[in-house]
Amino acid sequence: MKRITIAIDGFSSCGKSTLAKQLAHHLHYTYIDSGAMYRAIALYVIENGLVKDGKLDKADLIRVLPGIHIGFKHDDATQRSETWLDGRNVEHRIREMDVNHHVTLVSPIPEVRAKLVQLQQEMGQGGGVVMDGRDIGTVVFPKAEVKFFMTASPEVRAQRRYLELKGRGADITMEEVVSNTARRDLDDTTRAADPLVEAPDAFVIDNTHLTSSEQFDLALGEVVRTIGVVSEA
């Protein structure tokens, strides 16, 4: 059976990674979290003092960019792919709120996007990949056989993000999460380099009122229409 590329784009806290992991597991494909790569760059600028008073030193970041190494390793214990930055596991660190705030500083930079898009395309060579992000179906894999665009109401997305962060023990208010979500939406859709847009051939899933199982069934149905009957071994 042909191994295809599945691209999943959409706004933050729309369940992109949840769906991507479900599909990858069911199809025995490789899951790649493109957003984690941008988070890793954000963590790098935090740890290396490239942000002062909320302003990023773009010239310095571009200078060191070729030496920043980002990769993924599979954890057999958790059965999950974890993000590594310059030789260390940063999977949990990149999910914290300070990193979240800094993603919007690094993600619009064309040189950063070019580096990560190249890495993503290399990872996806040969198919058998599910990748989620903001520009996967439009820039990274414009010829992906199956594309999904995910959305949900801003209120529901903020609530999901708030509960996720509180579950990790974060000291955060709902107001802060709402503000951060709105800012990321604006940055994602208005940046000059590869903004978040719905690919014309994408299958749209609004999961405001869907369960995880319901959205998976919808998505798998679209995959089946493309490559035929699939089953989990």
C-alpha atoms as a PDB file:
ATOM      1  CA  MET A   1       0.000   0.000   0.000  1.00  0.00           C
ATOM      2  CA  LYS A   2       1.282   3.447  -0.925  1.00  0.00           C
ATOM      3  CA  ARG A   3       2.699   5.437   1.986  1.00  0.00           C
ATOM      4  CA  ILE A   4       1.499   9.007   1.671  1.00  0.00           C
ATOM      5  CA  THR A   5       2.185  12.347   3.310  1.00  0.00           C
ATOM      6  CA  ILE A   6      -0.492  13.789   5.576  1.00  0.00           C
ATOM      7  CA  ALA A   7      -0.333  17.522   6.330  1.00  0.00           C
ATOM      8  CA  ILE A   8      -2.289  19.012   9.238  1.00  0.00           C
ATOM      9  CA  ASP A   9      -2.522  22.792   9.629  1.00  0.00           C
ATOM     10  CA  GLY A  10      -4.599  25.033  11.856  1.00  0.00           C
ATOM     11  CA  PHE A  11      -4.755  27.430  14.748  1.00  0.00           C
ATOM     12  CA  SER A  12      -3.191  26.789  18.144  1.00  0.00           C
ATOM     13  CA  SER A  13      -5.002  24.471  20.573  1.00  0.00           C
ATOM     14  CA  CYS A  14      -7.116  22.902  17.853  1.00  0.00           C
ATOM     15  CA  GLY A  15      -5.932  19.375  18.550  1.00  0.00           C
ATOM     16  CA  LYS A  16      -3.568  19.155  15.590  1.00  0.00           C
ATOM     17  CA  SER A  17      -0.950  17.139  17.430  1.00  0.00           C
ATOM     18  CA  THR A  18      -3.555  14.849  18.990  1.00  0.00           C
ATOM     19  CA  LEU A  19      -4.991  13.997  15.590  1.00  0.00           C
ATOM     20  CA  ALA A  20      -1.549  13.691  14.009  1.00  0.00           C
ATOM     21  CA  LYS A  21      -0.416  11.220  16.675  1.00  0.00           C
ATOM     22  CA  GLN A  22      -3.626   9.193  16.332  1.00  0.00           C
ATOM     23  CA  LEU A  23      -3.251   8.903  12.577  1.00  0.00           C
ATOM     24  CA  ALA A  24       0.461   8.123  12.763  1.00  0.00           C
ATOM     25  CA  HIS A  25      -0.168   5.368  15.309  1.00  0.00           C
ATOM     26  CA  HIS A  26      -3.031   3.842  13.337  1.00  0.00           C
ATOM     27  CA  LEU A  27      -1.182   3.953  10.008  1.00  0.00           C
ATOM     28  CA  HIS A  28       2.258   3.109  11.456  1.00  0.00           C
ATOM     29  CA  TYR A  29       3.580   6.393  10.074  1.00  0.00           C
ATOM     30  CA  THR A  30       6.174   8.777  11.522  1.00  0.00           C
ATOM     31  CA  TYR A  31       4.775  11.769  13.407  1.00  0.00           C
ATOM     32  CA  ILE A  32       6.684  15.052  13.176  1.00  0.00           C
ATOM     33  CA  ASP A  33       5.717  18.032  15.330  1.00  0.00           C
ATOM     34  CA  SER A  34       6.868  21.025  13.308  1.00  0.00           C
ATOM     35  CA  GLY A  35       5.730  23.450  16.005  1.00  0.00           C
ATOM     36  CA  ALA A  36       8.172  21.857  18.442  1.00  0.00           C
ATOM     37  CA  MET A  37      10.993  22.919  16.141  1.00  0.00           C
ATOM     38  CA  TYR A  38       9.992  26.582  16.388  1.00  0.00           C
ATOM     39  CA  ARG A  39       9.621  26.187  20.131  1.00  0.00           C
ATOM     40  CA  ALA A  40      13.156  24.798  20.265  1.00  0.00           C
ATOM     41  CA  ILE A  41      14.455  27.909  18.498  1.00  0.00           C
ATOM     42  CA  ALA A  42      12.501  30.053  20.976  1.00  0.00           C
ATOM     43  CA  LEU A  43      14.084  28.175  23.868  1.00  0.00           C
ATOM     44  CA  TYR A  44      17.521  28.698  22.336  1.00  0.00           C
ATOM     45  CA  VAL A  45      17.088  32.494  22.188  1.00  0.00           C
ATOM     46  CA  ILE A  46      15.878  32.546  25.805  1.00  0.00           C
ATOM     47  CA  GLU A  47      18.781  30.492  27.107  1.00  0.00           C
ATOM     48  CA  ASN A  48      21.395  32.363  25.098  1.00  0.00           C
ATOM     49  CA  GLY A  49      20.306  35.882  25.979  1.00  0.00           C
ATOM     50  CA  LEU A  50      19.172  36.859  22.505  1.00  0.00           C
ATOM     51  CA  VAL A  51      16.044  38.566  23.845  1.00  0.00           C
ATOM     52  CA  LYS A  52      16.362  41.736  25.902  1.00  0.00           C
ATOM     53  CA  ASP A  53      13.392  43.784  27.088  1.00  0.00           C
ATOM     54  CA  GLY A  54      11.136  41.770  24.826  1.00  0.00           C
ATOM     55  CA  LYS A  55      13.194  42.492  21.708  1.00  0.00           C
ATOM     56  CA  LEU A  56      14.952  39.767  19.730  1.00  0.00           C
ATOM     57  CA  ASP A  57      18.471  40.252  18.388  1.00  0.00           C
ATOM     58  CA  LYS A  58      17.628  38.960  14.899  1.00  0.00           C
ATOM     59  CA  ALA A  59      21.091  39.522  13.467  1.00  0.00           C
ATOM     60  CA  ASP A  60      22.687  37.428  16.200  1.00  0.00           C
ATOM     61  CA  LEU A  61      20.114  34.653  15.808  1.00  0.00           C
ATOM     62  CA  ILE A  62      20.665  34.507  12.047  1.00  0.00           C
ATOM     63  CA  ARG A  63      24.423  34.369  12.662  1.00  0.00           C
ATOM     64  CA  VAL A  64      24.205  31.330  14.967  1.00  0.00           C
ATOM     65  CA  LEU A  65      21.306  29.635  13.192  1.00  0.00           C
ATOM     66  CA  PRO A  66      23.431  27.198  11.121  1.00  0.00           C
ATOM     67  CA  GLY A  67      24.905  25.775  14.341  1.00  0.00           C
ATOM     68  CA  ILE A  68      21.566  25.086  16.054  1.00  0.00           C
ATOM     69  CA  HIS A  69      20.721  21.380  15.859  1.00  0.00           C
ATOM     70  CA  ILE A  70      17.136  20.185  16.263  1.00  0.00           C
ATOM     71  CA  GLY A  71      15.968  16.601  16.028  1.00  0.00           C
ATOM     72  CA  PHE A  72      13.497  14.028  17.302  1.00  0.00           C
ATOM     73  CA  LYS A  73      14.078  10.784  19.143  1.00  0.00           C
ATOM     74  CA  HIS A  74      11.531   8.080  19.860  1.00  0.00           C
ATOM     75  CA  ASP A  75      11.044   7.250  23.542  1.00  0.00           C
ATOM     76  CA  ASP A  76      10.264   3.541  23.807  1.00  0.00           C
ATOM     77  CA  ALA A  77       8.866   3.956  27.328  1.00  0.00           C
ATOM     78  CA  THR A  78       6.297   6.604  26.428  1.00  0.00           C
ATOM     79  CA  GLN A  79       5.939   5.602  22.773  1.00  0.00           C
ATOM     80  CA  ARG A  80       6.306   9.268  21.874  1.00  0.00           C
ATOM     81  CA  SER A  81       8.655  11.331  19.770  1.00  0.00           C
ATOM     82  CA  GLU A  82      10.620  13.821  21.854  1.00  0.00           C
ATOM     83  CA  THR A  83      12.343  17.028  20.785  1.00  0.00           C
ATOM     84  CA  TRP A  84      16.094  17.440  21.179  1.00  0.00           C
ATOM     85  CA  LEU A  85      18.015  20.708  20.998  1.00  0.00           C
ATOM     86  CA  ASP A  86      21.788  20.639  20.626  1.00  0.00           C
ATOM     87  CA  GLY A  87      22.066  17.173  22.096  1.00  0.00           C
ATOM     88  CA  ARG A  88      19.598  17.365  24.995  1.00  0.00           C
ATOM     89  CA  ASN A  89      15.968  16.454  25.491  1.00  0.00           C
ATOM     90  CA  VAL A  90      13.865  19.635  25.723  1.00  0.00           C
ATOM     91  CA  GLU A  91      10.425  18.119  25.111  1.00  0.00           C
ATOM     92  CA  HIS A  92       8.932  19.266  28.411  1.00  0.00           C
ATOM     93  CA  ARG A  93      10.785  22.578  28.632  1.00  0.00           C
ATOM     94  CA  ILE A  94       9.533  23.828  25.253  1.00  0.00           C
ATOM     95  CA  ARG A  95       5.907  23.424  26.368  1.00  0.00           C
ATOM     96  CA  GLU A  96       6.205  26.006  29.135  1.00  0.00           C
ATOM     97  CA  MET A  97       4.565  29.419  28.919  1.00  0.00           C
ATOM     98  CA  ASP A  98       7.710  31.541  28.611  1.00  0.00           C
ATOM     99  CA  VAL A  99       8.701  29.588  25.506  1.00  0.00           C
ATOM    100  CA  ASN A 100       5.167  29.987  24.184  1.00  0.00           C
ATOM    101  CA  HIS A 101       5.491  33.760  24.495  1.00  0.00           C
ATOM    102  CA  HIS A 102       8.773  33.785  22.565  1.00  0.00           C
ATOM    103  CA  VAL A 103       7.656  31.619  19.633  1.00  0.00           C
ATOM    104  CA  THR A 104       6.056  34.628  17.951  1.00  0.00           C
ATOM    105  CA  LEU A 105       9.420  36.421  18.024  1.00  0.00           C
ATOM    106  CA  VAL A 106      11.258  33.741  16.059  1.00  0.00           C
ATOM    107  CA  SER A 107       8.591  32.156  13.828  1.00  0.00           C
ATOM    108  CA  PRO A 108       8.152  35.129  11.430  1.00  0.00           C
ATOM    109  CA  ILE A 109      11.867  35.326  10.583  1.00  0.00           C
ATOM    110  CA  PRO A 110      12.378  34.118   6.986  1.00  0.00           C
ATOM    111  CA  GLU A 111      15.809  32.604   7.710  1.00  0.00           C
ATOM    112  CA  VAL A 112      14.396  30.573  10.608  1.00  0.00           C
ATOM    113  CA  ARG A 113      11.483  29.352   8.530  1.00  0.00           C
ATOM    114  CA  ALA A 114      13.754  28.439   5.605  1.00  0.00           C
ATOM    115  CA  LYS A 115      16.013  26.359   7.853  1.00  0.00           C
ATOM    116  CA  LEU A 116      13.151  24.496   9.503  1.00  0.00           C
ATOM    117  CA  VAL A 117      11.193  23.955   6.279  1.00  0.00           C
ATOM    118  CA  GLN A 118      14.283  22.344   4.748  1.00  0.00           C
ATOM    119  CA  LEU A 119      14.651  20.073   7.799  1.00  0.00           C
ATOM    120  CA  GLN A 120      10.961  19.164   7.683  1.00  0.00           C
ATOM    121  CA  GLN A 121      11.091  18.318   3.989  1.00  0.00           C
ATOM    122  CA  GLU A 122      14.133  16.122   4.555  1.00  0.00           C
ATOM    123  CA  MET A 123      12.325  14.302   7.370  1.00  0.00           C
ATOM    124  CA  GLY A 124       9.313  13.730   5.154  1.00  0.00           C
ATOM    125  CA  GLN A 125      11.068  12.318   2.114  1.00  0.00           C
ATOM    126  CA  GLY A 126       9.562   9.044   0.995  1.00  0.00           C
ATOM    127  CA  GLY A 127       6.125   9.489   2.572  1.00  0.00           C
ATOM    128  CA  GLY A 128       4.747   7.601   5.539  1.00  0.00           C
ATOM    129  CA  VAL A 129       4.696  10.863   7.503  1.00  0.00           C
ATOM    130  CA  VAL A 130       2.101  12.847   9.430  1.00  0.00           C
ATOM    131  CA  MET A 131       3.212  16.415  10.126  1.00  0.00           C
ATOM    132  CA  ASP A 132       1.304  19.205  11.830  1.00  0.00           C
ATOM    133  CA  GLY A 133       1.943  22.927  11.949  1.00  0.00           C
ATOM    134  CA  ARG A 134       0.914  26.208  10.349  1.00  0.00           C
ATOM    135  CA  ASP A 135       2.254  25.936   6.790  1.00  0.00           C
ATOM    136  CA  ILE A 136       2.620  22.202   6.157  1.00  0.00           C
ATOM    137  CA  GLY A 137       0.038  21.843   3.403  1.00  0.00           C
ATOM    138  CA  THR A 138       0.863  25.184   1.797  1.00  0.00           C
ATOM    139  CA  VAL A 139       4.672  25.442   2.024  1.00  0.00           C
ATOM    140  CA  VAL A 140       6.369  22.334   3.412  1.00  0.00           C
ATOM    141  CA  PHE A 141       4.349  19.697   1.555  1.00  0.00           C
ATOM    142  CA  PRO A 142       2.137  21.492  -0.996  1.00  0.00           C
ATOM    143  CA  LYS A 143       1.724  18.191  -2.849  1.00  0.00           C
ATOM    144  CA  ALA A 144       0.698  16.163   0.206  1.00  0.00           C
ATOM    145  CA  GLU A 145      -1.898  13.579  -0.748  1.00  0.00           C
ATOM    146  CA  VAL A 146      -4.095  14.429   2.241  1.00  0.00           C
ATOM    147  CA  LYS A 147      -4.361  17.849   3.891  1.00  0.00           C
ATOM    148  CA  PHE A 148      -6.385  18.830   6.929  1.00  0.00           C
ATOM    149  CA  PHE A 149      -7.130  22.322   8.212  1.00  0.00           C
ATOM    150  CA  MET A 150      -8.294  22.382  11.821  1.00  0.00           C
ATOM    151  CA  THR A 151     -10.143  25.092  13.645  1.00  0.00           C
ATOM    152  CA  ALA A 152     -12.354  25.694  16.691  1.00  0.00           C
ATOM    153  CA  SER A 153     -13.872  28.682  18.440  1.00  0.00           C
ATOM    154  CA  PRO A 154     -11.359  30.982  20.193  1.00  0.00           C
ATOM    155  CA  GLU A 155     -13.122  30.458  23.520  1.00  0.00           C
ATOM    156  CA  VAL A 156     -12.876  26.680  23.328  1.00  0.00           C
ATOM    157  CA  ARG A 157      -9.246  26.807  22.251  1.00  0.00           C
ATOM    158  CA  ALA A 158      -8.283  29.130  25.111  1.00  0.00           C
ATOM    159  CA  GLN A 159     -10.075  26.892  27.604  1.00  0.00           C
ATOM    160  CA  ARG A 160      -8.251  23.813  26.299  1.00  0.00           C
ATOM    161  CA  ARG A 161      -4.892  25.560  26.537  1.00  0.00           C
ATOM    162  CA  TYR A 162      -5.631  26.838  30.032  1.00  0.00           C
ATOM    163  CA  LEU A 163      -6.546  23.374  31.307  1.00  0.00           C
ATOM    164  CA  GLU A 164      -3.449  21.890  29.642  1.00  0.00           C
ATOM    165  CA  LEU A 165      -1.140  24.391  31.315  1.00  0.00           C
ATOM    166  CA  LYS A 166      -2.816  24.114  34.714  1.00  0.00           C
ATOM    167  CA  GLY A 167      -2.493  20.345  34.433  1.00  0.00           C
ATOM    168  CA  ARG A 168       1.261  20.831  34.174  1.00  0.00           C
ATOM    169  CA  GLY A 169       1.256  23.000  37.278  1.00  0.00           C
ATOM    170  CA  ALA A 170       1.669  26.335  35.484  1.00  0.00           C
ATOM    171  CA  ASP A 171       0.890  29.512  37.424  1.00  0.00           C
ATOM    172  CA  ILE A 172      -1.285  31.115  34.753  1.00  0.00           C
ATOM    173  CA  THR A 173      -4.619  32.909  34.531  1.00  0.00           C
ATOM    174  CA  MET A 174      -7.346  32.423  31.958  1.00  0.00           C
ATOM    175  CA  GLU A 175      -6.924  36.064  30.917  1.00  0.00           C
ATOM    176  CA  GLU A 176      -3.242  35.501  30.125  1.00  0.00           C
ATOM    177  CA  VAL A 177      -4.066  32.448  28.009  1.00  0.00           C
ATOM    178  CA  VAL A 178      -6.802  34.296  26.096  1.00  0.00           C
ATOM    179  CA  SER A 179      -4.396  37.158  25.392  1.00  0.00           C
ATOM    180  CA  ASN A 180      -1.621  34.808  24.264  1.00  0.00           C
ATOM    181  CA  THR A 181      -3.988  32.846  22.016  1.00  0.00           C
ATOM    182  CA  ALA A 182      -5.259  36.015  20.332  1.00  0.00           C
ATOM    183  CA  ARG A 183      -1.728  37.302  19.800  1.00  0.00           C
ATOM    184  CA  ARG A 184      -0.588  34.004  18.267  1.00  0.00           C
ATOM    185  CA  ASP A 185      -3.593  33.946  15.936  1.00  0.00           C
ATOM    186  CA  LEU A 186      -2.791  37.452  14.736  1.00  0.00           C
ATOM    187  CA  ASP A 187       0.893  36.702  14.290  1.00  0.00           C
ATOM    188  CA  ASP A 188       0.215  33.388  12.530  1.00  0.00           C
ATOM    189  CA  THR A 189      -2.219  34.841  10.008  1.00  0.00           C
ATOM    190  CA  THR A 190      -0.525  38.170   9.261  1.00  0.00           C
ATOM    191  CA  ARG A 191       3.210  37.405   9.178  1.00  0.00           C
ATOM    192  CA  ALA A 192       4.915  38.098   5.860  1.00  0.00           C
ATOM    193  CA  ALA A 193       6.691  34.723   5.707  1.00  0.00           C
ATOM    194  CA  ASP A 194       4.416  31.699   5.180  1.00  0.00           C
ATOM    195  CA  PRO A 195       1.300  32.859   7.056  1.00  0.00           C
ATOM    196  CA  LEU A 196      -1.335  30.428   8.270  1.00  0.00           C
ATOM    197  CA  VAL A 197      -3.890  29.985   5.486  1.00  0.00           C
ATOM    198  CA  GLU A 198      -6.246  27.207   4.524  1.00  0.00           C
ATOM    199  CA  ALA A 199      -4.958  25.241   1.521  1.00  0.00           C
ATOM    200  CA  PRO A 200      -7.588  25.159  -1.249  1.00  0.00           C
ATOM    201  CA  ASP A 201      -7.574  21.351  -1.257  1.00  0.00           C
ATOM    202  CA  ALA A 202      -7.647  20.899   2.535  1.00  0.00           C
ATOM    203  CA  PHE A 203     -10.346  18.947   4.359  1.00  0.00           C
ATOM    204  CA  VAL A 204     -11.618  21.290   7.087  1.00  0.00           C
ATOM    205  CA  ILE A 205     -12.364  19.973  10.568  1.00  0.00           C
ATOM    206  CA  ASP A 206     -14.042  22.323  13.064  1.00  0.00           C
ATOM    207  CA  ASN A 207     -13.741  20.431  16.329  1.00  0.00           C
ATOM    208  CA  THR A 208     -15.406  22.993  18.598  1.00  0.00           C
ATOM    209  CA  HIS A 209     -18.009  20.373  19.485  1.00  0.00           C
ATOM    210  CA  LEU A 210     -16.200  17.175  18.465  1.00  0.00           C
ATOM    211  CA  THR A 211     -14.585  14.596  20.695  1.00  0.00           C
ATOM    212  CA  SER A 212     -11.108  13.302  19.939  1.00  0.00           C
ATOM    213  CA  SER A 213     -12.618  10.045  18.670  1.00  0.00           C
ATOM    214  CA  GLU A 214     -15.074  11.833  16.417  1.00  0.00           C
ATOM    215  CA  GLN A 215     -12.422  13.971  14.762  1.00  0.00           C
ATOM    216  CA  PHE A 216     -10.199  10.914  14.301  1.00  0.00           C
ATOM    217  CA  ASP A 217     -13.016   9.047  12.560  1.00  0.00           C
ATOM    218  CA  LEU A 218     -13.599  12.004  10.243  1.00  0.00           C
ATOM    219  CA  ALA A 219      -9.918  12.266   9.380  1.00  0.00           C
ATOM    220  CA  LEU A 220      -9.392   8.549   8.907  1.00  0.00           C
ATOM    221  CA  GLY A 221     -12.377   8.472   6.570  1.00  0.00           C
ATOM    222  CA  GLU A 222     -10.668  11.067   4.383  1.00  0.00           C
ATOM    223  CA  VAL A 223      -7.429   9.055   4.393  1.00  0.00           C
ATOM    224  CA  VAL A 224      -9.312   5.891   3.435  1.00  0.00           C
ATOM    225  CA  ARG A 225     -10.877   7.714   0.484  1.00  0.00           C
ATOM    226  CA  THR A 226      -7.364   8.527  -0.695  1.00  0.00           C
ATOM    227  CA  ILE A 227      -5.408   5.299  -0.174  1.00  0.00           C
ATOM    228  CA  GLY A 228      -8.065   2.657   0.449  1.00  0.00           C
ATOM    229  CA  VAL A 229      -8.900   0.537   3.487  1.00  0.00           C
ATOM    230  CA  VAL A 230      -6.413   0.750   6.342  1.00  0.00           C
ATOM    231  CA  SER A 231      -6.349  -1.088   9.630  1.00  0.00           C
ATOM    232  CA  GLU A 232      -4.251  -0.999  12.781  1.00  0.00           C
ATOM    233  CA  ALA A 233      -1.967  -4.025  13.105  1.00  0.00           C
END
